[in-house]
């Protein structure tokens, strides 16, 4: 079955995708999931990695919106398990931004967690108080909207939905 093409039209979407592909384990998990459906236990066994590290990789790939998730029907008397499959085999990018904005996106992508955590926590506080607009948060924090979006995409606690940011609810 031919794979679909993932369209990227917002520079901030590069943050999670580049971080995912820069990690050897997540890249290996993605390669496995391109061909067939796997459960976390099967991936851990195939790659000889801990279940916890595989779950982190799966969460990263889900944040990139690269995975399809389903339930595997168990044998009678057993519990059903979630299984995963990559739905995209290609990426097409159509982004337009200034060089400064691109530099900001790449800086956030590859910055250490401790460098960006204060800003992420400030965004989380804004969202908890009901200020979910990217534009309003950027004005309050005196940073660019692209930076707010990129920081939110980098965070496990936040989800970008159009021009607003919500707290992440869903886990694996």
C-alpha atoms as a PDB file:
ATOM      1  CA  UNK A   1       0.000   0.000   0.000  1.00  0.00           C
ATOM      2  CA  UNK A   2       1.492   3.385  -0.974  1.00  0.00           C
ATOM      3  CA  UNK A   3       2.208   5.703   1.907  1.00  0.00           C
ATOM      4  CA  UNK A   4       0.704   9.144   2.225  1.00  0.00           C
ATOM      5  CA  UNK A   5       2.733  12.358   2.150  1.00  0.00           C
ATOM      6  CA  UNK A   6       2.957  14.486   5.310  1.00  0.00           C
ATOM      7  CA  UNK A   7       2.499  18.143   4.454  1.00  0.00           C
ATOM      8  CA  UNK A   8       4.371  20.684   6.549  1.00  0.00           C
ATOM      9  CA  UNK A   9       3.302  24.279   6.046  1.00  0.00           C
ATOM     10  CA  UNK A  10       4.238  25.816   9.385  1.00  0.00           C
ATOM     11  CA  UNK A  11       7.919  26.250  10.320  1.00  0.00           C
ATOM     12  CA  UNK A  12       7.184  25.374  13.967  1.00  0.00           C
ATOM     13  CA  UNK A  13       6.169  21.846  12.879  1.00  0.00           C
ATOM     14  CA  UNK A  14       9.843  21.232  12.132  1.00  0.00           C
ATOM     15  CA  UNK A  15      10.666  21.336  15.855  1.00  0.00           C
ATOM     16  CA  UNK A  16       9.151  17.973  16.754  1.00  0.00           C
ATOM     17  CA  UNK A  17       9.934  16.304  13.430  1.00  0.00           C
ATOM     18  CA  UNK A  18      13.631  17.218  13.481  1.00  0.00           C
ATOM     19  CA  UNK A  19      13.974  16.215  17.145  1.00  0.00           C
ATOM     20  CA  UNK A  20      12.330  12.878  16.406  1.00  0.00           C
ATOM     21  CA  UNK A  21      14.516  12.096  13.413  1.00  0.00           C
ATOM     22  CA  UNK A  22      17.686  13.215  15.216  1.00  0.00           C
ATOM     23  CA  UNK A  23      17.212  10.470  17.806  1.00  0.00           C
ATOM     24  CA  UNK A  24      18.562   7.080  16.638  1.00  0.00           C
ATOM     25  CA  UNK A  25      16.017   5.074  18.642  1.00  0.00           C
ATOM     26  CA  UNK A  26      13.010   7.058  17.417  1.00  0.00           C
ATOM     27  CA  UNK A  27      14.322   6.811  13.866  1.00  0.00           C
ATOM     28  CA  UNK A  28      14.605   3.008  14.270  1.00  0.00           C
ATOM     29  CA  UNK A  29      11.070   2.796  15.676  1.00  0.00           C
ATOM     30  CA  UNK A  30       9.787   4.845  12.745  1.00  0.00           C
ATOM     31  CA  UNK A  31      11.564   2.568  10.258  1.00  0.00           C
ATOM     32  CA  UNK A  32       9.923  -0.484  11.809  1.00  0.00           C
ATOM     33  CA  UNK A  33       6.475   1.084  11.806  1.00  0.00           C
ATOM     34  CA  UNK A  34       6.712   2.008   8.113  1.00  0.00           C
ATOM     35  CA  UNK A  35       6.228  -1.634   7.132  1.00  0.00           C
ATOM     36  CA  UNK A  36       3.676  -3.137   9.491  1.00  0.00           C
ATOM     37  CA  UNK A  37       1.723  -2.782  12.717  1.00  0.00           C
ATOM     38  CA  UNK A  38       3.584  -3.342  16.007  1.00  0.00           C
ATOM     39  CA  UNK A  39       2.757  -3.206  19.707  1.00  0.00           C
ATOM     40  CA  UNK A  40       5.163  -1.536  22.125  1.00  0.00           C
ATOM     41  CA  UNK A  41       6.267  -4.941  23.428  1.00  0.00           C
ATOM     42  CA  UNK A  42       7.010  -6.184  19.905  1.00  0.00           C
ATOM     43  CA  UNK A  43       9.043  -3.068  19.106  1.00  0.00           C
ATOM     44  CA  UNK A  44      10.994  -3.394  22.368  1.00  0.00           C
ATOM     45  CA  UNK A  45      11.743  -7.040  21.561  1.00  0.00           C
ATOM     46  CA  UNK A  46      12.692  -6.332  17.941  1.00  0.00           C
ATOM     47  CA  UNK A  47      15.013  -3.421  18.820  1.00  0.00           C
ATOM     48  CA  UNK A  48      16.217  -4.925  22.112  1.00  0.00           C
ATOM     49  CA  UNK A  49      15.304  -1.761  24.024  1.00  0.00           C
ATOM     50  CA  UNK A  50      13.401  -1.083  27.218  1.00  0.00           C
ATOM     51  CA  UNK A  51       9.648  -0.666  27.004  1.00  0.00           C
ATOM     52  CA  UNK A  52       9.936   2.789  28.643  1.00  0.00           C
ATOM     53  CA  UNK A  53      12.311   4.103  25.955  1.00  0.00           C
ATOM     54  CA  UNK A  54      10.052   2.724  23.213  1.00  0.00           C
ATOM     55  CA  UNK A  55       7.043   4.455  24.831  1.00  0.00           C
ATOM     56  CA  UNK A  56       8.964   7.771  24.759  1.00  0.00           C
ATOM     57  CA  UNK A  57       9.713   7.300  21.061  1.00  0.00           C
ATOM     58  CA  UNK A  58       6.092   6.418  20.312  1.00  0.00           C
ATOM     59  CA  UNK A  59       4.929   9.523  22.187  1.00  0.00           C
ATOM     60  CA  UNK A  60       7.335  11.673  20.135  1.00  0.00           C
ATOM     61  CA  UNK A  61       6.093  10.166  16.870  1.00  0.00           C
ATOM     62  CA  UNK A  62       2.481  10.666  17.943  1.00  0.00           C
ATOM     63  CA  UNK A  63       3.232  14.320  18.697  1.00  0.00           C
ATOM     64  CA  UNK A  64       4.507  14.589  15.109  1.00  0.00           C
ATOM     65  CA  UNK A  65       1.175  13.082  13.973  1.00  0.00           C
ATOM     66  CA  UNK A  66       3.004  10.355  12.061  1.00  0.00           C
ATOM     67  CA  UNK A  67       1.289   7.325  13.585  1.00  0.00           C
ATOM     68  CA  UNK A  68      -1.991   5.524  13.205  1.00  0.00           C
ATOM     69  CA  UNK A  69      -3.132   3.781  16.379  1.00  0.00           C
ATOM     70  CA  UNK A  70      -5.407   0.781  16.705  1.00  0.00           C
ATOM     71  CA  UNK A  71      -6.317  -2.042  19.036  1.00  0.00           C
ATOM     72  CA  UNK A  72      -5.007  -5.535  18.383  1.00  0.00           C
ATOM     73  CA  UNK A  73      -7.641  -8.163  19.008  1.00  0.00           C
ATOM     74  CA  UNK A  74      -6.263 -10.582  21.579  1.00  0.00           C
ATOM     75  CA  UNK A  75      -6.688 -14.303  21.931  1.00  0.00           C
ATOM     76  CA  UNK A  76      -9.652 -15.199  24.170  1.00  0.00           C
ATOM     77  CA  UNK A  77      -8.905 -14.362  27.808  1.00  0.00           C
ATOM     78  CA  UNK A  78      -6.068 -11.909  27.032  1.00  0.00           C
ATOM     79  CA  UNK A  79      -6.095  -8.115  27.198  1.00  0.00           C
ATOM     80  CA  UNK A  80      -6.171  -6.060  23.982  1.00  0.00           C
ATOM     81  CA  UNK A  81      -3.015  -4.068  23.199  1.00  0.00           C
ATOM     82  CA  UNK A  82      -2.521  -0.831  21.315  1.00  0.00           C
ATOM     83  CA  UNK A  83      -0.615  -1.192  18.090  1.00  0.00           C
ATOM     84  CA  UNK A  84       1.019   1.463  15.958  1.00  0.00           C
ATOM     85  CA  UNK A  85       1.799   2.017  12.297  1.00  0.00           C
ATOM     86  CA  UNK A  86       3.389   4.924  10.421  1.00  0.00           C
ATOM     87  CA  UNK A  87       0.949   6.426   7.938  1.00  0.00           C
ATOM     88  CA  UNK A  88       3.403   8.708   6.121  1.00  0.00           C
ATOM     89  CA  UNK A  89       6.274   7.603   3.921  1.00  0.00           C
ATOM     90  CA  UNK A  90       7.182  11.014   2.544  1.00  0.00           C
ATOM     91  CA  UNK A  91       7.308  14.644   3.660  1.00  0.00           C
ATOM     92  CA  UNK A  92       6.545  17.706   1.589  1.00  0.00           C
ATOM     93  CA  UNK A  93       7.448  21.089   3.039  1.00  0.00           C
ATOM     94  CA  UNK A  94       5.990  24.360   1.888  1.00  0.00           C
ATOM     95  CA  UNK A  95       7.142  26.888   4.440  1.00  0.00           C
ATOM     96  CA  UNK A  96       7.805  30.584   4.116  1.00  0.00           C
ATOM     97  CA  UNK A  97       9.458  32.509   6.901  1.00  0.00           C
ATOM     98  CA  UNK A  98      12.246  34.980   7.495  1.00  0.00           C
ATOM     99  CA  UNK A  99      15.756  33.740   8.165  1.00  0.00           C
ATOM    100  CA  UNK A 100      15.424  35.035  11.739  1.00  0.00           C
ATOM    101  CA  UNK A 101      12.264  32.955  12.258  1.00  0.00           C
ATOM    102  CA  UNK A 102      13.957  29.873  10.812  1.00  0.00           C
ATOM    103  CA  UNK A 103      16.960  30.445  13.076  1.00  0.00           C
ATOM    104  CA  UNK A 104      14.603  30.740  16.048  1.00  0.00           C
ATOM    105  CA  UNK A 105      12.838  27.470  15.147  1.00  0.00           C
ATOM    106  CA  UNK A 106      16.160  25.641  14.774  1.00  0.00           C
ATOM    107  CA  UNK A 107      17.491  27.166  18.006  1.00  0.00           C
ATOM    108  CA  UNK A 108      14.463  25.865  19.927  1.00  0.00           C
ATOM    109  CA  UNK A 109      14.700  22.495  18.197  1.00  0.00           C
ATOM    110  CA  UNK A 110      18.240  21.826  19.333  1.00  0.00           C
ATOM    111  CA  UNK A 111      18.367  23.791  22.611  1.00  0.00           C
ATOM    112  CA  UNK A 112      18.737  21.842  25.838  1.00  0.00           C
ATOM    113  CA  UNK A 113      15.651  21.406  28.002  1.00  0.00           C
ATOM    114  CA  UNK A 114      17.053  23.626  30.767  1.00  0.00           C
ATOM    115  CA  UNK A 115      17.569  26.518  28.310  1.00  0.00           C
ATOM    116  CA  UNK A 116      13.940  26.662  27.209  1.00  0.00           C
ATOM    117  CA  UNK A 117      12.090  25.331  30.258  1.00  0.00           C
ATOM    118  CA  UNK A 118      11.479  28.748  31.886  1.00  0.00           C
ATOM    119  CA  UNK A 119       9.700  30.007  28.751  1.00  0.00           C
ATOM    120  CA  UNK A 120       7.715  26.787  28.368  1.00  0.00           C
ATOM    121  CA  UNK A 121       6.569  26.975  31.998  1.00  0.00           C
ATOM    122  CA  UNK A 122       5.508  30.601  31.474  1.00  0.00           C
ATOM    123  CA  UNK A 123       3.412  29.529  28.454  1.00  0.00           C
ATOM    124  CA  UNK A 124       1.878  26.709  30.515  1.00  0.00           C
ATOM    125  CA  UNK A 125       0.893  29.264  33.181  1.00  0.00           C
ATOM    126  CA  UNK A 126      -0.728  31.503  30.567  1.00  0.00           C
ATOM    127  CA  UNK A 127      -2.744  28.548  29.222  1.00  0.00           C
ATOM    128  CA  UNK A 128      -3.803  27.461  32.729  1.00  0.00           C
ATOM    129  CA  UNK A 129      -5.074  30.983  33.375  1.00  0.00           C
ATOM    130  CA  UNK A 130      -7.177  30.815  30.193  1.00  0.00           C
ATOM    131  CA  UNK A 131      -4.919  32.789  27.839  1.00  0.00           C
ATOM    132  CA  UNK A 132      -4.706  30.275  24.979  1.00  0.00           C
ATOM    133  CA  UNK A 133      -4.154  32.632  22.033  1.00  0.00           C
ATOM    134  CA  UNK A 134      -0.677  32.382  20.520  1.00  0.00           C
ATOM    135  CA  UNK A 135      -0.775  36.062  19.586  1.00  0.00           C
ATOM    136  CA  UNK A 136      -1.834  37.194  23.084  1.00  0.00           C
ATOM    137  CA  UNK A 137       0.781  34.987  24.766  1.00  0.00           C
ATOM    138  CA  UNK A 138       3.489  36.351  22.449  1.00  0.00           C
ATOM    139  CA  UNK A 139       2.477  39.942  23.283  1.00  0.00           C
ATOM    140  CA  UNK A 140       2.427  39.231  27.039  1.00  0.00           C
ATOM    141  CA  UNK A 141       5.812  37.487  26.946  1.00  0.00           C
ATOM    142  CA  UNK A 142       7.303  39.965  24.432  1.00  0.00           C
ATOM    143  CA  UNK A 143       8.458  37.181  22.087  1.00  0.00           C
ATOM    144  CA  UNK A 144       7.473  36.306  18.523  1.00  0.00           C
ATOM    145  CA  UNK A 145       4.435  34.118  17.777  1.00  0.00           C
ATOM    146  CA  UNK A 146       6.687  31.634  15.949  1.00  0.00           C
ATOM    147  CA  UNK A 147       8.748  31.273  19.130  1.00  0.00           C
ATOM    148  CA  UNK A 148       5.618  30.654  21.220  1.00  0.00           C
ATOM    149  CA  UNK A 149       4.403  28.022  18.742  1.00  0.00           C
ATOM    150  CA  UNK A 150       7.813  26.345  18.547  1.00  0.00           C
ATOM    151  CA  UNK A 151       8.181  26.226  22.332  1.00  0.00           C
ATOM    152  CA  UNK A 152       4.667  24.770  22.657  1.00  0.00           C
ATOM    153  CA  UNK A 153       5.443  22.082  20.071  1.00  0.00           C
ATOM    154  CA  UNK A 154       8.657  21.230  21.914  1.00  0.00           C
ATOM    155  CA  UNK A 155       6.782  20.784  25.219  1.00  0.00           C
ATOM    156  CA  UNK A 156       5.101  17.535  26.265  1.00  0.00           C
ATOM    157  CA  UNK A 157       2.595  19.545  28.307  1.00  0.00           C
ATOM    158  CA  UNK A 158       1.231  21.675  25.458  1.00  0.00           C
ATOM    159  CA  UNK A 159      -0.570  21.092  22.161  1.00  0.00           C
ATOM    160  CA  UNK A 160      -0.826  23.619  19.322  1.00  0.00           C
ATOM    161  CA  UNK A 161      -4.295  23.746  17.768  1.00  0.00           C
ATOM    162  CA  UNK A 162      -4.374  26.308  14.992  1.00  0.00           C
ATOM    163  CA  UNK A 163      -3.833  29.725  16.582  1.00  0.00           C
ATOM    164  CA  UNK A 164      -4.324  28.546  20.163  1.00  0.00           C
ATOM    165  CA  UNK A 165      -2.487  26.374  22.654  1.00  0.00           C
ATOM    166  CA  UNK A 166      -4.092  23.804  24.937  1.00  0.00           C
ATOM    167  CA  UNK A 167      -2.769  21.606  27.708  1.00  0.00           C
ATOM    168  CA  UNK A 168      -1.969  18.075  26.530  1.00  0.00           C
ATOM    169  CA  UNK A 169      -4.467  15.544  27.856  1.00  0.00           C
ATOM    170  CA  UNK A 170      -3.636  12.371  25.994  1.00  0.00           C
ATOM    171  CA  UNK A 171      -0.824  10.021  26.851  1.00  0.00           C
ATOM    172  CA  UNK A 172       0.061   6.656  25.337  1.00  0.00           C
END
